[in-house]
Each structure stands twice: as C-alpha cells, then as structure tokens.
Protein backbone atom coordinates (compact mmCIF):
# COMPACT_ATOMS: atom_id res chain seq x y z
CA MET A 1 -10.32 20.14 -9.51
CA ALA A 2 -7.85 18.18 -7.51
CA GLN A 3 -8.76 14.84 -5.93
CA LYS A 4 -8.87 14.36 -2.26
CA THR A 5 -6.36 11.40 -2.60
CA PRO A 6 -3.80 10.28 -5.17
CA PHE A 7 -5.69 7.04 -5.43
CA PRO A 8 -8.74 7.06 -7.87
CA PHE A 9 -10.20 3.86 -6.43
CA ASP A 10 -12.99 4.65 -3.94
CA SER A 11 -13.21 1.64 -1.70
CA GLU A 12 -16.13 3.06 0.28
CA ALA A 13 -18.26 3.66 -2.83
CA MET A 14 -17.67 0.08 -3.92
CA MET A 15 -18.76 -1.20 -0.39
CA ASP A 16 -21.82 0.98 -0.55
CA PHE A 17 -22.61 -0.67 -4.01
CA PHE A 18 -22.56 -4.14 -2.48
CA ARG A 19 -24.43 -3.15 0.61
CA ASN A 20 -27.11 -1.55 -1.27
CA ASN A 21 -27.79 -4.23 -3.80
CA ASP A 22 -29.25 -7.62 -2.85
CA PHE A 23 -27.21 -10.06 -4.77
CA THR A 24 -28.55 -12.88 -2.47
CA LYS A 25 -31.83 -12.69 -4.19
CA THR A 26 -30.26 -13.04 -7.67
CA LEU A 27 -28.38 -16.04 -6.48
CA GLN A 28 -31.39 -17.67 -4.97
CA ASP A 29 -33.25 -17.10 -8.32
CA ALA A 30 -30.39 -18.89 -10.14
CA LYS A 31 -31.24 -21.92 -8.05
CA LEU A 32 -27.80 -23.23 -7.56
CA PRO A 33 -27.86 -26.83 -6.42
CA ASN A 34 -26.67 -27.48 -2.95
CA MET A 35 -25.44 -23.95 -2.44
CA ASP A 36 -26.62 -21.55 0.42
CA ALA A 37 -26.88 -18.29 -1.43
CA ASP A 38 -26.82 -16.40 1.78
CA ALA A 39 -23.61 -17.99 3.08
CA LEU A 40 -22.04 -17.36 -0.41
CA MET A 41 -22.89 -13.76 -0.33
CA GLN A 42 -21.59 -13.49 3.18
CA ALA A 43 -18.40 -14.98 2.01
CA GLN A 44 -18.11 -12.50 -0.78
CA ARG A 45 -18.68 -9.68 1.63
CA LYS A 46 -15.82 -10.85 3.62
CA ASN A 47 -13.63 -10.82 0.48
CA MET A 48 -14.66 -7.23 -0.35
CA ASP A 49 -14.00 -6.17 3.12
CA ALA A 50 -10.58 -7.88 3.01
CA LEU A 51 -9.82 -6.06 -0.26
CA VAL A 52 -10.79 -2.84 1.20
CA GLU A 53 -8.56 -3.28 4.20
CA ALA A 54 -5.76 -4.30 1.97
CA ASN A 55 -6.17 -1.17 -0.20
CA LYS A 56 -6.24 0.99 2.87
CA ALA A 57 -3.18 -0.60 4.19
CA ALA A 58 -1.26 -0.18 0.92
CA ALA A 59 -2.39 3.43 0.61
CA ALA A 60 -1.26 4.19 4.11
CA GLY A 61 2.13 2.53 3.31
CA TYR A 62 2.63 4.47 0.21
CA GLN A 63 1.57 7.71 1.86
CA ASP A 64 4.39 6.98 4.38
CA LEU A 65 6.71 6.40 1.42
CA VAL A 66 5.68 9.68 -0.26
CA ASN A 67 6.22 11.54 3.07
CA LYS A 68 9.70 10.04 3.58
CA GLN A 69 10.58 10.94 0.00
CA LEU A 70 9.53 14.57 0.54
CA ALA A 71 11.54 14.73 3.83
CA ILE A 72 14.67 13.45 2.15
CA PHE A 73 14.23 15.91 -0.74
CA GLU A 74 13.82 18.84 1.73
CA GLU A 75 16.82 17.69 3.67
CA THR A 76 18.99 17.25 0.60
CA ILE A 77 18.04 20.79 -0.75
CA ALA A 78 18.69 22.23 2.73
CA GLU A 79 22.17 20.53 2.89
CA ALA A 80 23.12 21.53 -0.60
CA GLN A 81 22.19 25.25 0.24
CA LYS A 82 24.21 25.11 3.36
CA GLN A 83 27.32 23.57 1.39
CA LEU A 84 26.94 26.31 -1.45
CA LYS A 85 26.84 29.10 1.10
CA GLY A 86 30.15 27.83 2.81
CA ALA A 87 31.79 26.91 -0.50
CA GLU A 88 35.31 28.17 -1.12
CA LEU A 89 36.20 28.80 -4.64
CA LYS A 90 39.89 27.62 -4.06
CA LEU A 91 40.94 24.17 -4.74
CA ASP A 92 43.99 23.14 -2.62
CA PRO A 93 44.49 19.54 -1.34
CA ASP A 94 42.78 20.44 1.95
CA THR A 95 39.67 21.78 0.38
CA ALA A 96 39.58 19.06 -2.15
CA GLY A 97 39.94 16.55 0.74
CA LYS A 98 36.95 18.13 2.65
CA ARG A 99 34.87 18.17 -0.41
CA SER A 100 35.65 14.43 -1.13
CA GLU A 101 34.61 13.60 2.44
CA LEU A 102 31.30 15.57 2.06
CA ALA A 103 30.62 13.76 -1.24
CA GLN A 104 31.25 10.38 0.41
CA ALA A 105 28.98 11.17 3.32
CA ALA A 106 26.27 12.34 0.84
CA PHE A 107 26.54 9.30 -1.15
CA GLU A 108 26.32 6.96 1.99
CA LYS A 109 23.34 9.02 3.19
CA ALA A 110 21.73 8.53 -0.22
CA ILE A 111 22.16 4.85 -0.22
CA ALA A 112 20.79 4.58 3.35
CA ASN A 113 17.76 6.68 2.28
CA MET A 114 17.20 4.35 -0.76
CA LYS A 115 17.29 1.35 1.38
CA ASP A 116 14.79 2.92 3.82
CA LEU A 117 12.43 3.82 0.96
CA ALA A 118 12.66 0.31 -0.37
CA GLU A 119 12.02 -1.29 3.08
CA THR A 120 8.93 1.11 3.29
CA ALA A 121 7.51 0.11 -0.01
CA HIS A 122 8.17 -3.66 0.79
CA LYS A 123 6.36 -3.32 4.14
CA ALA A 124 3.28 -1.59 2.47
CA ASN A 125 3.20 -4.48 -0.10
CA SER A 126 3.67 -7.09 2.44
CA GLU A 127 0.88 -5.86 4.73
CA ALA A 128 -1.55 -5.69 1.89
CA TYR A 129 -0.50 -9.13 0.54
CA GLU A 130 -0.91 -10.78 4.01
CA ILE A 131 -4.52 -9.37 4.39
CA VAL A 132 -5.50 -10.73 0.88
CA ALA A 133 -3.65 -14.08 1.34
CA LYS A 134 -5.42 -14.72 4.65
CA ARG A 135 -8.86 -13.95 3.12
CA VAL A 136 -8.06 -16.15 0.11
CA LYS A 137 -7.31 -19.02 2.40
CA GLU A 138 -10.50 -18.47 4.48
CA SER A 139 -12.53 -17.96 1.30
CA VAL A 140 -11.36 -21.31 -0.05
CA ASP A 141 -12.06 -22.97 3.18
CA GLU A 142 -15.69 -21.45 3.15
CA LEU A 143 -16.30 -22.55 -0.37
CA LYS A 144 -15.43 -26.01 0.58
CA THR A 145 -17.67 -26.01 3.54
CA LEU A 146 -20.52 -24.50 1.34
CA ALA A 147 -19.99 -27.25 -1.28
CA GLU A 148 -20.05 -29.94 1.23
CA THR A 149 -23.10 -28.67 3.23
CA PRO A 150 -26.40 -29.61 1.73
CA LYS A 151 -28.73 -26.70 1.09
CA GLY A 152 -31.16 -26.46 3.94
C-alpha cells in the first residue's frame, strides 16, 4: 500500500502525542528547583510547533523541487522526440552545424535547469532553517527567563 506522502514523518501524530499527554504533571512531580513547569512545557510546545512548521516548509519546498524535475524530464523527452522525428540521416556541414547548435542549446538549457533546481532546494532548506533558528533563539531567551524567575 502506498503512503500518502513521500515523507514518513507524521508531524500531526507527533503533535497529538504531546497534546494528549500531560508532561506538566510529570515535571511538577520532579520538583525542579526554581522552575515553572507550566512555562517550561509551553516553551517546549512552541519548540514542537516550530519543528512542525519547519518540516512543512521543507516538504513543500521539496515537493516543488520534484514537480520541477518532472516538468524538466517531460520537456526533455518531448524535445528529444521532436528532434528524432525531424532528424535527417545525412551528415553534411550544414546539418552538422544545426545539430551542433541544437546540442549547445540543450546543454545551456540543462545548466539553467540544474541552477533552478539547486536554487529551489536551497530555498526549501533556508526556509526550514530560518524557522528553527528563530525558535532556538526564542527558546534560549525563554529558558534564561525561566531560570531567572523564582518559582511562584
């Protein structure tokens, strides 16, 4: 049976796990000195939300990458079929020059396509990284505040 998505990680199931389990009670029972368990759990929920958002951004970016690769492949096959239908078997200087020009154009297009695919992958990775990096900074700030705030 095929999976719905190419990514086996189910971010929604993970979030349900954290929503349906009361880790705050476990932390309170641990009696952490000068630590607000509720605030700590809220910070961790934000961390998980950021990871889910980053995962979704990366998945969307890579889906775009796959779609571009498929479009390039289909276009390449169509162009190759077109060239084969119109191919002449003779090899004179004029035909050789035309084939050389076609090969040069195909090479330049392939380079442009590879550049576009690389930029798409870079964008997907950058977006996911920015989400996580922002949350890491916020999380460090929250933990500092939690450590400095006496438990009430």
